[in-house]
Amino acid sequence: ETGPYKHLPGYDFIIQAMSGLMSITGDD
């Protein structure tokens, strides 16, 4: 409820992408 993204919708898939989780999951 604070910060510049507070009004953006957030689904799990989007959050996995933005949080860094997807960047460390999988391989080359």
mmCIF file of all heavy atoms, coordinates in Angstrom:
data_MODEL
# 
_entry.id   MODEL 
# 
loop_
_atom_site.group_PDB 
_atom_site.id 
_atom_site.type_symbol 
_atom_site.label_atom_id 
_atom_site.label_alt_id 
_atom_site.label_comp_id 
_atom_site.label_asym_id 
_atom_site.label_entity_id 
_atom_site.label_seq_id 
_atom_site.pdbx_PDB_ins_code 
_atom_site.Cartn_x 
_atom_site.Cartn_y 
_atom_site.Cartn_z 
_atom_site.occupancy 
_atom_site.B_iso_or_equiv 
_atom_site.pdbx_formal_charge 
_atom_site.auth_seq_id 
_atom_site.auth_comp_id 
_atom_site.auth_asym_id 
_atom_site.auth_atom_id 
_atom_site.pdbx_PDB_model_num 
ATOM 1   N N   . GLU A 1 1  ? 0.806  -1.219  0.000   1.00 0.00 ? 1  GLU A N   1 
ATOM 2   C CA  . GLU A 1 1  ? 0.000  0.000   0.000   1.00 0.00 ? 1  GLU A CA  1 
ATOM 3   C C   . GLU A 1 1  ? 0.838  1.268   0.000   1.00 0.00 ? 1  GLU A C   1 
ATOM 4   O O   . GLU A 1 1  ? 0.300  2.374   0.154   1.00 0.00 ? 1  GLU A O   1 
ATOM 5   C CB  . GLU A 1 1  ? -0.962 -0.022  1.184   1.00 0.00 ? 1  GLU A CB  1 
ATOM 6   C CG  . GLU A 1 1  ? -1.974 -1.155  1.089   1.00 0.00 ? 1  GLU A CG  1 
ATOM 7   C CD  . GLU A 1 1  ? -3.145 -1.007  2.038   1.00 0.00 ? 1  GLU A CD  1 
ATOM 8   O OE1 . GLU A 1 1  ? -3.155 -0.016  2.803   1.00 0.00 ? 1  GLU A OE1 1 
ATOM 9   O OE2 . GLU A 1 1  ? -4.037 -1.861  2.010   1.00 0.00 ? 1  GLU A OE2 1 
ATOM 10  N N   . THR A 1 2  ? 2.140  1.140   -0.149  1.00 0.00 ? 2  THR A N   1 
ATOM 11  C CA  . THR A 1 2  ? 3.017  2.303   -0.277  1.00 0.00 ? 2  THR A CA  1 
ATOM 12  C C   . THR A 1 2  ? 3.939  2.074   -1.479  1.00 0.00 ? 2  THR A C   1 
ATOM 13  O O   . THR A 1 2  ? 4.055  0.959   -1.982  1.00 0.00 ? 2  THR A O   1 
ATOM 14  C CB  . THR A 1 2  ? 3.870  2.510   0.990   1.00 0.00 ? 2  THR A CB  1 
ATOM 15  O OG1 . THR A 1 2  ? 4.650  1.320   1.229   1.00 0.00 ? 2  THR A OG1 1 
ATOM 16  C CG2 . THR A 1 2  ? 2.993  2.784   2.203   1.00 0.00 ? 2  THR A CG2 1 
ATOM 17  N N   . GLY A 1 3  ? 4.620  3.149   -1.905  1.00 0.00 ? 3  GLY A N   1 
ATOM 18  C CA  . GLY A 1 3  ? 5.571  3.016   -3.000  1.00 0.00 ? 3  GLY A CA  1 
ATOM 19  C C   . GLY A 1 3  ? 4.953  3.280   -4.355  1.00 0.00 ? 3  GLY A C   1 
ATOM 20  O O   . GLY A 1 3  ? 3.722  3.297   -4.516  1.00 0.00 ? 3  GLY A O   1 
ATOM 21  N N   . PRO A 1 4  ? 5.792  3.461   -5.369  1.00 0.00 ? 4  PRO A N   1 
ATOM 22  C CA  . PRO A 1 4  ? 5.306  3.838   -6.703  1.00 0.00 ? 4  PRO A CA  1 
ATOM 23  C C   . PRO A 1 4  ? 4.500  2.760   -7.421  1.00 0.00 ? 4  PRO A C   1 
ATOM 24  O O   . PRO A 1 4  ? 3.795  3.064   -8.382  1.00 0.00 ? 4  PRO A O   1 
ATOM 25  C CB  . PRO A 1 4  ? 6.599  4.151   -7.465  1.00 0.00 ? 4  PRO A CB  1 
ATOM 26  C CG  . PRO A 1 4  ? 7.675  3.403   -6.738  1.00 0.00 ? 4  PRO A CG  1 
ATOM 27  C CD  . PRO A 1 4  ? 7.266  3.421   -5.306  1.00 0.00 ? 4  PRO A CD  1 
ATOM 28  N N   . TYR A 1 5  ? 4.586  1.502   -6.985  1.00 0.00 ? 5  TYR A N   1 
ATOM 29  C CA  . TYR A 1 5  ? 3.850  0.418   -7.651  1.00 0.00 ? 5  TYR A CA  1 
ATOM 30  C C   . TYR A 1 5  ? 2.527  0.088   -6.949  1.00 0.00 ? 5  TYR A C   1 
ATOM 31  O O   . TYR A 1 5  ? 1.863  -0.879  -7.316  1.00 0.00 ? 5  TYR A O   1 
ATOM 32  C CB  . TYR A 1 5  ? 4.679  -0.865  -7.692  1.00 0.00 ? 5  TYR A CB  1 
ATOM 33  C CG  . TYR A 1 5  ? 5.987  -0.795  -8.436  1.00 0.00 ? 5  TYR A CG  1 
ATOM 34  C CD1 . TYR A 1 5  ? 6.935  -1.805  -8.294  1.00 0.00 ? 5  TYR A CD1 1 
ATOM 35  C CD2 . TYR A 1 5  ? 6.297  0.272   -9.282  1.00 0.00 ? 5  TYR A CD2 1 
ATOM 36  C CE1 . TYR A 1 5  ? 8.148  -1.767  -8.969  1.00 0.00 ? 5  TYR A CE1 1 
ATOM 37  C CE2 . TYR A 1 5  ? 7.508  0.330   -9.955  1.00 0.00 ? 5  TYR A CE2 1 
ATOM 38  C CZ  . TYR A 1 5  ? 8.432  -0.688  -9.791  1.00 0.00 ? 5  TYR A CZ  1 
ATOM 39  O OH  . TYR A 1 5  ? 9.629  -0.635  -10.454 1.00 0.00 ? 5  TYR A OH  1 
ATOM 40  N N   . LYS A 1 6  ? 2.151  0.855   -5.934  1.00 0.00 ? 6  LYS A N   1 
ATOM 41  C CA  . LYS A 1 6  ? 1.049  0.441   -5.057  1.00 0.00 ? 6  LYS A CA  1 
ATOM 42  C C   . LYS A 1 6  ? -0.287 0.232   -5.776  1.00 0.00 ? 6  LYS A C   1 
ATOM 43  O O   . LYS A 1 6  ? -1.130 -0.534  -5.306  1.00 0.00 ? 6  LYS A O   1 
ATOM 44  C CB  . LYS A 1 6  ? 0.881  1.435   -3.911  1.00 0.00 ? 6  LYS A CB  1 
ATOM 45  C CG  . LYS A 1 6  ? 0.449  2.828   -4.336  1.00 0.00 ? 6  LYS A CG  1 
ATOM 46  C CD  . LYS A 1 6  ? 0.359  3.742   -3.129  1.00 0.00 ? 6  LYS A CD  1 
ATOM 47  C CE  . LYS A 1 6  ? -0.083 5.155   -3.535  1.00 0.00 ? 6  LYS A CE  1 
ATOM 48  N NZ  . LYS A 1 6  ? -0.126 6.047   -2.349  1.00 0.00 ? 6  LYS A NZ  1 
ATOM 49  N N   . HIS A 1 7  ? -0.493 0.883   -6.901  1.00 0.00 ? 7  HIS A N   1 
ATOM 50  C CA  . HIS A 1 7  ? -1.771 0.743   -7.604  1.00 0.00 ? 7  HIS A CA  1 
ATOM 51  C C   . HIS A 1 7  ? -1.726 -0.302  -8.721  1.00 0.00 ? 7  HIS A C   1 
ATOM 52  O O   . HIS A 1 7  ? -2.731 -0.536  -9.386  1.00 0.00 ? 7  HIS A O   1 
ATOM 53  C CB  . HIS A 1 7  ? -2.207 2.092   -8.175  1.00 0.00 ? 7  HIS A CB  1 
ATOM 54  C CG  . HIS A 1 7  ? -2.582 3.094   -7.128  1.00 0.00 ? 7  HIS A CG  1 
ATOM 55  N ND1 . HIS A 1 7  ? -3.620 2.890   -6.248  1.00 0.00 ? 7  HIS A ND1 1 
ATOM 56  C CD2 . HIS A 1 7  ? -2.037 4.294   -6.803  1.00 0.00 ? 7  HIS A CD2 1 
ATOM 57  C CE1 . HIS A 1 7  ? -3.719 3.918   -5.432  1.00 0.00 ? 7  HIS A CE1 1 
ATOM 58  N NE2 . HIS A 1 7  ? -2.768 4.783   -5.739  1.00 0.00 ? 7  HIS A NE2 1 
ATOM 59  N N   . LEU A 1 8  ? -0.567 -0.933  -8.925  1.00 0.00 ? 8  LEU A N   1 
ATOM 60  C CA  . LEU A 1 8  ? -0.465 -1.932  -9.988  1.00 0.00 ? 8  LEU A CA  1 
ATOM 61  C C   . LEU A 1 8  ? -1.075 -3.260  -9.552  1.00 0.00 ? 8  LEU A C   1 
ATOM 62  O O   . LEU A 1 8  ? -0.916 -3.676  -8.400  1.00 0.00 ? 8  LEU A O   1 
ATOM 63  C CB  . LEU A 1 8  ? 0.996  -2.158  -10.365 1.00 0.00 ? 8  LEU A CB  1 
ATOM 64  C CG  . LEU A 1 8  ? 1.750  -0.995  -11.008 1.00 0.00 ? 8  LEU A CG  1 
ATOM 65  C CD1 . LEU A 1 8  ? 3.203  -1.401  -11.275 1.00 0.00 ? 8  LEU A CD1 1 
ATOM 66  C CD2 . LEU A 1 8  ? 1.068  -0.560  -12.306 1.00 0.00 ? 8  LEU A CD2 1 
ATOM 67  N N   . PRO A 1 9  ? -1.755 -3.961  -10.473 1.00 0.00 ? 9  PRO A N   1 
ATOM 68  C CA  . PRO A 1 9  ? -2.221 -5.316  -10.149 1.00 0.00 ? 9  PRO A CA  1 
ATOM 69  C C   . PRO A 1 9  ? -1.029 -6.261  -10.113 1.00 0.00 ? 9  PRO A C   1 
ATOM 70  O O   . PRO A 1 9  ? -0.043 -6.059  -10.826 1.00 0.00 ? 9  PRO A O   1 
ATOM 71  C CB  . PRO A 1 9  ? -3.165 -5.651  -11.304 1.00 0.00 ? 9  PRO A CB  1 
ATOM 72  C CG  . PRO A 1 9  ? -2.646 -4.840  -12.448 1.00 0.00 ? 9  PRO A CG  1 
ATOM 73  C CD  . PRO A 1 9  ? -2.107 -3.562  -11.848 1.00 0.00 ? 9  PRO A CD  1 
ATOM 74  N N   . GLY A 1 10 ? -1.110 -7.283  -9.298  1.00 0.00 ? 10 GLY A N   1 
ATOM 75  C CA  . GLY A 1 10 ? 0.020  -8.210  -9.200  1.00 0.00 ? 10 GLY A CA  1 
ATOM 76  C C   . GLY A 1 10 ? -0.415 -9.653  -9.089  1.00 0.00 ? 10 GLY A C   1 
ATOM 77  O O   . GLY A 1 10 ? -0.884 -10.074 -8.039  1.00 0.00 ? 10 GLY A O   1 
ATOM 78  N N   . TYR A 1 11 ? -0.280 -10.401 -10.171 1.00 0.00 ? 11 TYR A N   1 
ATOM 79  C CA  . TYR A 1 11 ? -0.523 -11.836 -10.135 1.00 0.00 ? 11 TYR A CA  1 
ATOM 80  C C   . TYR A 1 11 ? 0.799  -12.576 -9.883  1.00 0.00 ? 11 TYR A C   1 
ATOM 81  O O   . TYR A 1 11 ? 1.882  -12.049 -10.163 1.00 0.00 ? 11 TYR A O   1 
ATOM 82  C CB  . TYR A 1 11 ? -1.128 -12.305 -11.455 1.00 0.00 ? 11 TYR A CB  1 
ATOM 83  C CG  . TYR A 1 11 ? -2.635 -12.167 -11.519 1.00 0.00 ? 11 TYR A CG  1 
ATOM 84  C CD1 . TYR A 1 11 ? -3.227 -10.958 -11.854 1.00 0.00 ? 11 TYR A CD1 1 
ATOM 85  C CD2 . TYR A 1 11 ? -3.467 -13.251 -11.239 1.00 0.00 ? 11 TYR A CD2 1 
ATOM 86  C CE1 . TYR A 1 11 ? -4.608 -10.826 -11.920 1.00 0.00 ? 11 TYR A CE1 1 
ATOM 87  C CE2 . TYR A 1 11 ? -4.848 -13.137 -11.305 1.00 0.00 ? 11 TYR A CE2 1 
ATOM 88  C CZ  . TYR A 1 11 ? -5.415 -11.922 -11.645 1.00 0.00 ? 11 TYR A CZ  1 
ATOM 89  O OH  . TYR A 1 11 ? -6.778 -11.801 -11.704 1.00 0.00 ? 11 TYR A OH  1 
ATOM 90  N N   . ASP A 1 12 ? 0.673  -13.781 -9.388  1.00 0.00 ? 12 ASP A N   1 
ATOM 91  C CA  . ASP A 1 12 ? 1.854  -14.570 -9.017  1.00 0.00 ? 12 ASP A CA  1 
ATOM 92  C C   . ASP A 1 12 ? 2.901  -14.620 -10.130 1.00 0.00 ? 12 ASP A C   1 
ATOM 93  O O   . ASP A 1 12 ? 4.089  -14.423 -9.876  1.00 0.00 ? 12 ASP A O   1 
ATOM 94  C CB  . ASP A 1 12 ? 1.422  -15.994 -8.650  1.00 0.00 ? 12 ASP A CB  1 
ATOM 95  C CG  . ASP A 1 12 ? 2.601  -16.929 -8.443  1.00 0.00 ? 12 ASP A CG  1 
ATOM 96  O OD1 . ASP A 1 12 ? 3.106  -17.015 -7.317  1.00 0.00 ? 12 ASP A OD1 1 
ATOM 97  O OD2 . ASP A 1 12 ? 3.029  -17.565 -9.436  1.00 0.00 ? 12 ASP A OD2 1 
ATOM 98  N N   . PHE A 1 13 ? 2.492  -14.893 -11.357 1.00 0.00 ? 13 PHE A N   1 
ATOM 99  C CA  . PHE A 1 13 ? 3.435  -15.035 -12.468 1.00 0.00 ? 13 PHE A CA  1 
ATOM 100 C C   . PHE A 1 13 ? 4.232  -13.735 -12.666 1.00 0.00 ? 13 PHE A C   1 
ATOM 101 O O   . PHE A 1 13 ? 5.455  -13.748 -12.872 1.00 0.00 ? 13 PHE A O   1 
ATOM 102 C CB  . PHE A 1 13 ? 2.651  -15.385 -13.734 1.00 0.00 ? 13 PHE A CB  1 
ATOM 103 C CG  . PHE A 1 13 ? 3.488  -15.969 -14.854 1.00 0.00 ? 13 PHE A CG  1 
ATOM 104 C CD1 . PHE A 1 13 ? 4.853  -16.176 -14.730 1.00 0.00 ? 13 PHE A CD1 1 
ATOM 105 C CD2 . PHE A 1 13 ? 2.881  -16.310 -16.055 1.00 0.00 ? 13 PHE A CD2 1 
ATOM 106 C CE1 . PHE A 1 13 ? 5.599  -16.714 -15.775 1.00 0.00 ? 13 PHE A CE1 1 
ATOM 107 C CE2 . PHE A 1 13 ? 3.616  -16.843 -17.101 1.00 0.00 ? 13 PHE A CE2 1 
ATOM 108 C CZ  . PHE A 1 13 ? 4.981  -17.035 -16.961 1.00 0.00 ? 13 PHE A CZ  1 
ATOM 109 N N   . ILE A 1 14 ? 3.533  -12.591 -12.599 1.00 0.00 ? 14 ILE A N   1 
ATOM 110 C CA  . ILE A 1 14 ? 4.200  -11.295 -12.726 1.00 0.00 ? 14 ILE A CA  1 
ATOM 111 C C   . ILE A 1 14 ? 5.212  -11.102 -11.596 1.00 0.00 ? 14 ILE A C   1 
ATOM 112 O O   . ILE A 1 14 ? 6.342  -10.636 -11.816 1.00 0.00 ? 14 ILE A O   1 
ATOM 113 C CB  . ILE A 1 14 ? 3.164  -10.155 -12.707 1.00 0.00 ? 14 ILE A CB  1 
ATOM 114 C CG1 . ILE A 1 14 ? 2.105  -10.337 -13.794 1.00 0.00 ? 14 ILE A CG1 1 
ATOM 115 C CG2 . ILE A 1 14 ? 3.856  -8.797  -12.821 1.00 0.00 ? 14 ILE A CG2 1 
ATOM 116 C CD1 . ILE A 1 14 ? 2.653  -10.377 -15.192 1.00 0.00 ? 14 ILE A CD1 1 
ATOM 117 N N   . ILE A 1 15 ? 4.810  -11.486 -10.405 1.00 0.00 ? 15 ILE A N   1 
ATOM 118 C CA  . ILE A 1 15 ? 5.683  -11.305 -9.240  1.00 0.00 ? 15 ILE A CA  1 
ATOM 119 C C   . ILE A 1 15 ? 6.902  -12.221 -9.332  1.00 0.00 ? 15 ILE A C   1 
ATOM 120 O O   . ILE A 1 15 ? 8.028  -11.822 -8.992  1.00 0.00 ? 15 ILE A O   1 
ATOM 121 C CB  . ILE A 1 15 ? 4.909  -11.562 -7.932  1.00 0.00 ? 15 ILE A CB  1 
ATOM 122 C CG1 . ILE A 1 15 ? 3.717  -10.604 -7.828  1.00 0.00 ? 15 ILE A CG1 1 
ATOM 123 C CG2 . ILE A 1 15 ? 5.824  -11.428 -6.732  1.00 0.00 ? 15 ILE A CG2 1 
ATOM 124 C CD1 . ILE A 1 15 ? 4.073  -9.144  -7.815  1.00 0.00 ? 15 ILE A CD1 1 
ATOM 125 N N   . GLN A 1 16 ? 6.707  -13.464 -9.790  1.00 0.00 ? 16 GLN A N   1 
ATOM 126 C CA  . GLN A 1 16 ? 7.860  -14.347 -9.972  1.00 0.00 ? 16 GLN A CA  1 
ATOM 127 C C   . GLN A 1 16 ? 8.857  -13.730 -10.950 1.00 0.00 ? 16 GLN A C   1 
ATOM 128 O O   . GLN A 1 16 ? 10.073 -13.823 -10.765 1.00 0.00 ? 16 GLN A O   1 
ATOM 129 C CB  . GLN A 1 16 ? 7.412  -15.720 -10.482 1.00 0.00 ? 16 GLN A CB  1 
ATOM 130 C CG  . GLN A 1 16 ? 6.720  -16.582 -9.434  1.00 0.00 ? 16 GLN A CG  1 
ATOM 131 C CD  . GLN A 1 16 ? 6.707  -18.055 -9.820  1.00 0.00 ? 16 GLN A CD  1 
ATOM 132 O OE1 . GLN A 1 16 ? 7.707  -18.590 -10.290 1.00 0.00 ? 16 GLN A OE1 1 
ATOM 133 N NE2 . GLN A 1 16 ? 5.583  -18.719 -9.604  1.00 0.00 ? 16 GLN A NE2 1 
ATOM 134 N N   . ALA A 1 17 ? 8.337  -13.076 -11.986 1.00 0.00 ? 17 ALA A N   1 
ATOM 135 C CA  . ALA A 1 17 ? 9.214  -12.451 -12.973 1.00 0.00 ? 17 ALA A CA  1 
ATOM 136 C C   . ALA A 1 17 ? 9.977  -11.275 -12.370 1.00 0.00 ? 17 ALA A C   1 
ATOM 137 O O   . ALA A 1 17 ? 11.206 -11.165 -12.510 1.00 0.00 ? 17 ALA A O   1 
ATOM 138 C CB  . ALA A 1 17 ? 8.387  -11.977 -14.173 1.00 0.00 ? 17 ALA A CB  1 
ATOM 139 N N   . MET A 1 18 ? 9.266  -10.388 -11.678 1.00 0.00 ? 18 MET A N   1 
ATOM 140 C CA  . MET A 1 18 ? 9.872  -9.150  -11.197 1.00 0.00 ? 18 MET A CA  1 
ATOM 141 C C   . MET A 1 18 ? 10.779 -9.347  -9.990  1.00 0.00 ? 18 MET A C   1 
ATOM 142 O O   . MET A 1 18 ? 11.724 -8.583  -9.775  1.00 0.00 ? 18 MET A O   1 
ATOM 143 C CB  . MET A 1 18 ? 8.779  -8.136  -10.859 1.00 0.00 ? 18 MET A CB  1 
ATOM 144 C CG  . MET A 1 18 ? 8.000  -7.641  -12.060 1.00 0.00 ? 18 MET A CG  1 
ATOM 145 S SD  . MET A 1 18 ? 6.734  -6.415  -11.639 1.00 0.00 ? 18 MET A SD  1 
ATOM 146 C CE  . MET A 1 18 ? 7.760  -5.078  -11.012 1.00 0.00 ? 18 MET A CE  1 
ATOM 147 N N   . SER A 1 19 ? 10.506 -10.368 -9.178  1.00 0.00 ? 19 SER A N   1 
ATOM 148 C CA  . SER A 1 19 ? 11.211 -10.543 -7.904  1.00 0.00 ? 19 SER A CA  1 
ATOM 149 C C   . SER A 1 19 ? 12.607 -11.124 -8.043  1.00 0.00 ? 19 SER A C   1 
ATOM 150 O O   . SER A 1 19 ? 13.364 -11.152 -7.079  1.00 0.00 ? 19 SER A O   1 
ATOM 151 C CB  . SER A 1 19 ? 10.404 -11.466 -6.994  1.00 0.00 ? 19 SER A CB  1 
ATOM 152 O OG  . SER A 1 19 ? 10.345 -12.776 -7.554  1.00 0.00 ? 19 SER A OG  1 
ATOM 153 N N   . GLY A 1 20 ? 12.952 -11.627 -9.224  1.00 0.00 ? 20 GLY A N   1 
ATOM 154 C CA  . GLY A 1 20 ? 14.234 -12.297 -9.400  1.00 0.00 ? 20 GLY A CA  1 
ATOM 155 C C   . GLY A 1 20 ? 14.131 -13.805 -9.358  1.00 0.00 ? 20 GLY A C   1 
ATOM 156 O O   . GLY A 1 20 ? 15.077 -14.504 -9.741  1.00 0.00 ? 20 GLY A O   1 
ATOM 157 N N   . LEU A 1 21 ? 12.984 -14.335 -8.912  1.00 0.00 ? 21 LEU A N   1 
ATOM 158 C CA  . LEU A 1 21 ? 12.850 -15.789 -8.817  1.00 0.00 ? 21 LEU A CA  1 
ATOM 159 C C   . LEU A 1 21 ? 13.019 -16.463 -10.177 1.00 0.00 ? 21 LEU A C   1 
ATOM 160 O O   . LEU A 1 21 ? 13.703 -17.482 -10.297 1.00 0.00 ? 21 LEU A O   1 
ATOM 161 C CB  . LEU A 1 21 ? 11.493 -16.166 -8.220  1.00 0.00 ? 21 LEU A CB  1 
ATOM 162 C CG  . LEU A 1 21 ? 11.345 -16.020 -6.710  1.00 0.00 ? 21 LEU A CG  1 
ATOM 163 C CD1 . LEU A 1 21 ? 9.909  -16.293 -6.284  1.00 0.00 ? 21 LEU A CD1 1 
ATOM 164 C CD2 . LEU A 1 21 ? 12.300 -16.957 -5.980  1.00 0.00 ? 21 LEU A CD2 1 
ATOM 165 N N   . MET A 1 22 ? 12.416 -15.899 -11.211 1.00 0.00 ? 22 MET A N   1 
ATOM 166 C CA  . MET A 1 22 ? 12.533 -16.517 -12.530 1.00 0.00 ? 22 MET A CA  1 
ATOM 167 C C   . MET A 1 22 ? 13.935 -16.384 -13.101 1.00 0.00 ? 22 MET A C   1 
ATOM 168 O O   . MET A 1 22 ? 14.382 -17.238 -13.873 1.00 0.00 ? 22 MET A O   1 
ATOM 169 C CB  . MET A 1 22 ? 11.508 -15.924 -13.500 1.00 0.00 ? 22 MET A CB  1 
ATOM 170 C CG  . MET A 1 22 ? 10.087 -16.396 -13.233 1.00 0.00 ? 22 MET A CG  1 
ATOM 171 S SD  . MET A 1 22 ? 8.871  -15.765 -14.415 1.00 0.00 ? 22 MET A SD  1 
ATOM 172 C CE  . MET A 1 22 ? 9.438  -16.558 -15.925 1.00 0.00 ? 22 MET A CE  1 
ATOM 173 N N   . SER A 1 23 ? 14.642 -15.333 -12.708 1.00 0.00 ? 23 SER A N   1 
ATOM 174 C CA  . SER A 1 23 ? 15.997 -15.131 -13.237 1.00 0.00 ? 23 SER A CA  1 
ATOM 175 C C   . SER A 1 23 ? 16.972 -16.178 -12.726 1.00 0.00 ? 23 SER A C   1 
ATOM 176 O O   . SER A 1 23 ? 18.021 -16.395 -13.331 1.00 0.00 ? 23 SER A O   1 
ATOM 177 C CB  . SER A 1 23 ? 16.505 -13.738 -12.873 1.00 0.00 ? 23 SER A CB  1 
ATOM 178 O OG  . SER A 1 23 ? 16.914 -13.662 -11.515 1.00 0.00 ? 23 SER A OG  1 
ATOM 179 N N   . ILE A 1 24 ? 16.627 -16.842 -11.610 1.00 0.00 ? 24 ILE A N   1 
ATOM 180 C CA  . ILE A 1 24 ? 17.528 -17.862 -11.043 1.00 0.00 ? 24 ILE A CA  1 
ATOM 181 C C   . ILE A 1 24 ? 16.953 -19.271 -11.193 1.00 0.00 ? 24 ILE A C   1 
ATOM 182 O O   . ILE A 1 24 ? 17.522 -20.232 -10.672 1.00 0.00 ? 24 ILE A O   1 
ATOM 183 C CB  . ILE A 1 24 ? 17.841 -17.581 -9.562  1.00 0.00 ? 24 ILE A CB  1 
ATOM 184 C CG1 . ILE A 1 24 ? 16.565 -17.571 -8.714  1.00 0.00 ? 24 ILE A CG1 1 
ATOM 185 C CG2 . ILE A 1 24 ? 18.588 -16.262 -9.413  1.00 0.00 ? 24 ILE A CG2 1 
ATOM 186 C CD1 . ILE A 1 24 ? 16.804 -17.479 -7.220  1.00 0.00 ? 24 ILE A CD1 1 
ATOM 187 N N   . THR A 1 25 ? 15.819 -19.394 -11.894 1.00 0.00 ? 25 THR A N   1 
ATOM 188 C CA  . THR A 1 25 ? 15.181 -20.693 -12.079 1.00 0.00 ? 25 THR A CA  1 
ATOM 189 C C   . THR A 1 25 ? 15.276 -21.099 -13.547 1.00 0.00 ? 25 THR A C   1 
ATOM 190 O O   . THR A 1 25 ? 14.993 -20.306 -14.435 1.00 0.00 ? 25 THR A O   1 
ATOM 191 C CB  . THR A 1 25 ? 13.710 -20.639 -11.644 1.00 0.00 ? 25 THR A CB  1 
ATOM 192 O OG1 . THR A 1 25 ? 13.642 -20.167 -10.296 1.00 0.00 ? 25 THR A OG1 1 
ATOM 193 C CG2 . THR A 1 25 ? 13.068 -22.016 -11.731 1.00 0.00 ? 25 THR A CG2 1 
ATOM 194 N N   . GLY A 1 26 ? 15.669 -22.349 -13.784 1.00 0.00 ? 26 GLY A N   1 
ATOM 195 C CA  . GLY A 1 26 ? 15.934 -22.819 -15.135 1.00 0.00 ? 26 GLY A CA  1 
ATOM 196 C C   . GLY A 1 26 ? 17.434 -22.879 -15.375 1.00 0.00 ? 26 GLY A C   1 
ATOM 197 O O   . GLY A 1 26 ? 18.236 -22.809 -14.434 1.00 0.00 ? 26 GLY A O   1 
ATOM 198 N N   . ASP A 1 27 ? 17.820 -23.032 -16.625 1.00 0.00 ? 27 ASP A N   1 
ATOM 199 C CA  . ASP A 1 27 ? 19.238 -23.069 -16.959 1.00 0.00 ? 27 ASP A CA  1 
ATOM 200 C C   . ASP A 1 27 ? 19.471 -22.290 -18.245 1.00 0.00 ? 27 ASP A C   1 
ATOM 201 O O   . ASP A 1 27 ? 18.565 -21.641 -18.767 1.00 0.00 ? 27 ASP A O   1 
ATOM 202 C CB  . ASP A 1 27 ? 19.746 -24.512 -17.081 1.00 0.00 ? 27 ASP A CB  1 
ATOM 203 C CG  . ASP A 1 27 ? 18.927 -25.344 -18.066 1.00 0.00 ? 27 ASP A CG  1 
ATOM 204 O OD1 . ASP A 1 27 ? 18.397 -24.768 -19.043 1.00 0.00 ? 27 ASP A OD1 1 
ATOM 205 O OD2 . ASP A 1 27 ? 18.825 -26.572 -17.874 1.00 0.00 ? 27 ASP A OD2 1 
ATOM 206 N N   . ASP A 1 28 ? 20.685 -22.351 -18.777 1.00 0.00 ? 28 ASP A N   1 
ATOM 207 C CA  . ASP A 1 28 ? 21.007 -21.575 -19.973 1.00 0.00 ? 28 ASP A CA  1 
ATOM 208 C C   . ASP A 1 28 ? 20.158 -21.984 -21.171 1.00 0.00 ? 28 ASP A C   1 
ATOM 209 O O   . ASP A 1 28 ? 19.816 -21.162 -22.017 1.00 0.00 ? 28 ASP A O   1 
ATOM 210 C CB  . ASP A 1 28 ? 22.495 -21.737 -20.319 1.00 0.00 ? 28 ASP A CB  1 
ATOM 211 C CG  . ASP A 1 28 ? 23.394 -21.026 -19.334 1.00 0.00 ? 28 ASP A CG  1 
ATOM 212 O OD1 . ASP A 1 28 ? 22.885 -20.125 -18.632 1.00 0.00 ? 28 ASP A OD1 1 
ATOM 213 O OD2 . ASP A 1 28 ? 24.590 -21.368 -19.245 1.00 0.00 ? 28 ASP A OD2 1 
# 
